[in-house]
């Protein structure tokens, strides 16, 4: 799956998420390896936005392979298990990363 296809899936998922009760959250996602890239997901004013840019004032950054990210996005990879097994790395506020994973579910 290409980076562009991943971005399309993320934007589709963002439209489905109910963020009406969520606080502000800005997560940068770093996808490593082939078909990797960087994008951010921002939750603000009850809306979820995803764009293919770095986010300098982020709550946290998560790093994983595109394959693992798609499993995570589709609910087939538990974020806590991924973190403890090294498939998911978090830079910054781990609590915000967990909040992000709950929004995706």
C-alpha atoms as a PDB file:
ATOM      1  CA  UNK A   1       0.000   0.000   0.000  1.00  0.00           C
ATOM      2  CA  UNK A   2       1.426   3.389  -0.977  1.00  0.00           C
ATOM      3  CA  UNK A   3       1.637   6.385   1.342  1.00  0.00           C
ATOM      4  CA  UNK A   4      -1.111   8.102  -0.675  1.00  0.00           C
ATOM      5  CA  UNK A   5      -3.413   5.094  -0.221  1.00  0.00           C
ATOM      6  CA  UNK A   6      -2.700   5.100   3.511  1.00  0.00           C
ATOM      7  CA  UNK A   7      -3.569   8.824   3.687  1.00  0.00           C
ATOM      8  CA  UNK A   8      -6.845   8.136   1.872  1.00  0.00           C
ATOM      9  CA  UNK A   9      -7.729   5.426   4.425  1.00  0.00           C
ATOM     10  CA  UNK A  10      -6.790   7.702   7.339  1.00  0.00           C
ATOM     11  CA  UNK A  11      -8.976  10.525   5.989  1.00  0.00           C
ATOM     12  CA  UNK A  12     -11.886   8.089   5.514  1.00  0.00           C
ATOM     13  CA  UNK A  13     -11.459   6.856   9.083  1.00  0.00           C
ATOM     14  CA  UNK A  14     -11.259  10.461  10.358  1.00  0.00           C
ATOM     15  CA  UNK A  15     -14.737  11.136   8.955  1.00  0.00           C
ATOM     16  CA  UNK A  16     -16.144   8.173  10.925  1.00  0.00           C
ATOM     17  CA  UNK A  17     -14.649   9.100  14.311  1.00  0.00           C
ATOM     18  CA  UNK A  18     -16.903  10.681  16.915  1.00  0.00           C
ATOM     19  CA  UNK A  19     -14.623  13.261  18.501  1.00  0.00           C
ATOM     20  CA  UNK A  20     -17.392  15.365  20.031  1.00  0.00           C
ATOM     21  CA  UNK A  21     -16.201  14.627  23.574  1.00  0.00           C
ATOM     22  CA  UNK A  22     -12.471  14.573  22.858  1.00  0.00           C
ATOM     23  CA  UNK A  23     -10.061  17.239  24.009  1.00  0.00           C
ATOM     24  CA  UNK A  24      -7.494  18.794  21.692  1.00  0.00           C
ATOM     25  CA  UNK A  25      -5.080  16.180  20.415  1.00  0.00           C
ATOM     26  CA  UNK A  26      -2.333  16.409  17.805  1.00  0.00           C
ATOM     27  CA  UNK A  27      -0.511  13.219  16.865  1.00  0.00           C
ATOM     28  CA  UNK A  28       2.223  12.969  14.301  1.00  0.00           C
ATOM     29  CA  UNK A  29       2.493   9.567  12.644  1.00  0.00           C
ATOM     30  CA  UNK A  30       5.877   8.523  11.277  1.00  0.00           C
ATOM     31  CA  UNK A  31       5.697   5.552   8.936  1.00  0.00           C
ATOM     32  CA  UNK A  32       9.066   3.896   8.413  1.00  0.00           C
ATOM     33  CA  UNK A  33      10.493   1.870   5.549  1.00  0.00           C
ATOM     34  CA  UNK A  34       9.135   1.406   2.064  1.00  0.00           C
ATOM     35  CA  UNK A  35       5.972   3.456   1.409  1.00  0.00           C
ATOM     36  CA  UNK A  36       6.691   5.406   4.581  1.00  0.00           C
ATOM     37  CA  UNK A  37       6.036   9.066   5.215  1.00  0.00           C
ATOM     38  CA  UNK A  38       4.841  11.532   7.808  1.00  0.00           C
ATOM     39  CA  UNK A  39       1.368  12.844   8.526  1.00  0.00           C
ATOM     40  CA  UNK A  40      -0.567  14.226  11.443  1.00  0.00           C
ATOM     41  CA  UNK A  41      -3.989  13.722  12.929  1.00  0.00           C
ATOM     42  CA  UNK A  42      -5.506  16.631  14.812  1.00  0.00           C
ATOM     43  CA  UNK A  43      -8.614  16.544  16.977  1.00  0.00           C
ATOM     44  CA  UNK A  44      -9.941  20.027  17.552  1.00  0.00           C
ATOM     45  CA  UNK A  45     -13.421  21.399  18.235  1.00  0.00           C
ATOM     46  CA  UNK A  46     -14.978  17.948  17.862  1.00  0.00           C
ATOM     47  CA  UNK A  47     -13.527  17.365  14.402  1.00  0.00           C
ATOM     48  CA  UNK A  48     -10.733  15.096  13.199  1.00  0.00           C
ATOM     49  CA  UNK A  49      -8.369  16.297  10.492  1.00  0.00           C
ATOM     50  CA  UNK A  50      -5.500  14.393   8.877  1.00  0.00           C
ATOM     51  CA  UNK A  51      -2.870  15.970   6.618  1.00  0.00           C
ATOM     52  CA  UNK A  52       0.421  14.751   5.112  1.00  0.00           C
ATOM     53  CA  UNK A  53       2.678  17.163   7.007  1.00  0.00           C
ATOM     54  CA  UNK A  54       4.800  17.237  10.136  1.00  0.00           C
ATOM     55  CA  UNK A  55       3.182  18.811  13.194  1.00  0.00           C
ATOM     56  CA  UNK A  56       5.709  20.702  15.262  1.00  0.00           C
ATOM     57  CA  UNK A  57       3.446  21.494  18.237  1.00  0.00           C
ATOM     58  CA  UNK A  58       2.214  17.924  18.651  1.00  0.00           C
ATOM     59  CA  UNK A  59       1.016  16.102  21.745  1.00  0.00           C
ATOM     60  CA  UNK A  60       3.040  13.043  20.745  1.00  0.00           C
ATOM     61  CA  UNK A  61       4.514  11.212  17.779  1.00  0.00           C
ATOM     62  CA  UNK A  62       4.083   7.559  17.002  1.00  0.00           C
ATOM     63  CA  UNK A  63       6.396   5.570  14.754  1.00  0.00           C
ATOM     64  CA  UNK A  64       5.651   2.247  13.088  1.00  0.00           C
ATOM     65  CA  UNK A  65       5.775   0.474   9.742  1.00  0.00           C
ATOM     66  CA  UNK A  66       2.996   1.135   7.214  1.00  0.00           C
ATOM     67  CA  UNK A  67       1.884  -2.502   7.513  1.00  0.00           C
ATOM     68  CA  UNK A  68       1.559  -2.324  11.295  1.00  0.00           C
ATOM     69  CA  UNK A  69      -0.169   1.051  11.096  1.00  0.00           C
ATOM     70  CA  UNK A  70      -2.826  -0.365   8.767  1.00  0.00           C
ATOM     71  CA  UNK A  71      -3.368  -3.283  11.173  1.00  0.00           C
ATOM     72  CA  UNK A  72      -3.658  -0.727  13.999  1.00  0.00           C
ATOM     73  CA  UNK A  73      -6.100   1.406  11.963  1.00  0.00           C
ATOM     74  CA  UNK A  74      -8.253  -1.627  11.155  1.00  0.00           C
ATOM     75  CA  UNK A  75      -8.334  -2.806  14.781  1.00  0.00           C
ATOM     76  CA  UNK A  76      -6.181  -5.874  14.138  1.00  0.00           C
ATOM     77  CA  UNK A  77      -3.175  -4.693  16.170  1.00  0.00           C
ATOM     78  CA  UNK A  78      -3.623  -3.817  19.833  1.00  0.00           C
ATOM     79  CA  UNK A  79      -1.733  -0.569  20.527  1.00  0.00           C
ATOM     80  CA  UNK A  80      -0.568  -1.641  23.984  1.00  0.00           C
ATOM     81  CA  UNK A  81       0.733  -4.953  22.684  1.00  0.00           C
ATOM     82  CA  UNK A  82       2.376  -3.153  19.748  1.00  0.00           C
ATOM     83  CA  UNK A  83       4.066  -0.733  22.158  1.00  0.00           C
ATOM     84  CA  UNK A  84       5.328  -3.446  24.489  1.00  0.00           C
ATOM     85  CA  UNK A  85       6.670  -5.557  21.603  1.00  0.00           C
ATOM     86  CA  UNK A  86       8.408  -2.607  19.925  1.00  0.00           C
ATOM     87  CA  UNK A  87       6.125  -2.451  16.879  1.00  0.00           C
ATOM     88  CA  UNK A  88       4.960   0.993  18.006  1.00  0.00           C
ATOM     89  CA  UNK A  89       7.228   3.687  19.385  1.00  0.00           C
ATOM     90  CA  UNK A  90       5.946   6.797  21.123  1.00  0.00           C
ATOM     91  CA  UNK A  91       7.766  10.098  21.495  1.00  0.00           C
ATOM     92  CA  UNK A  92       6.147  12.547  23.892  1.00  0.00           C
ATOM     93  CA  UNK A  93       2.993  12.013  25.939  1.00  0.00           C
ATOM     94  CA  UNK A  94       2.197   8.272  26.006  1.00  0.00           C
ATOM     95  CA  UNK A  95      -1.220   9.077  27.507  1.00  0.00           C
ATOM     96  CA  UNK A  96      -2.091  11.121  24.409  1.00  0.00           C
ATOM     97  CA  UNK A  97      -1.008   8.218  22.197  1.00  0.00           C
ATOM     98  CA  UNK A  98      -3.379   5.960  24.143  1.00  0.00           C
ATOM     99  CA  UNK A  99      -6.159   8.537  23.791  1.00  0.00           C
ATOM    100  CA  UNK A 100      -5.490   8.550  20.030  1.00  0.00           C
ATOM    101  CA  UNK A 101      -5.766   4.757  19.859  1.00  0.00           C
ATOM    102  CA  UNK A 102      -9.116   4.863  21.690  1.00  0.00           C
ATOM    103  CA  UNK A 103     -10.474   7.354  19.166  1.00  0.00           C
ATOM    104  CA  UNK A 104      -9.595   5.022  16.311  1.00  0.00           C
ATOM    105  CA  UNK A 105     -11.576   2.164  17.856  1.00  0.00           C
END
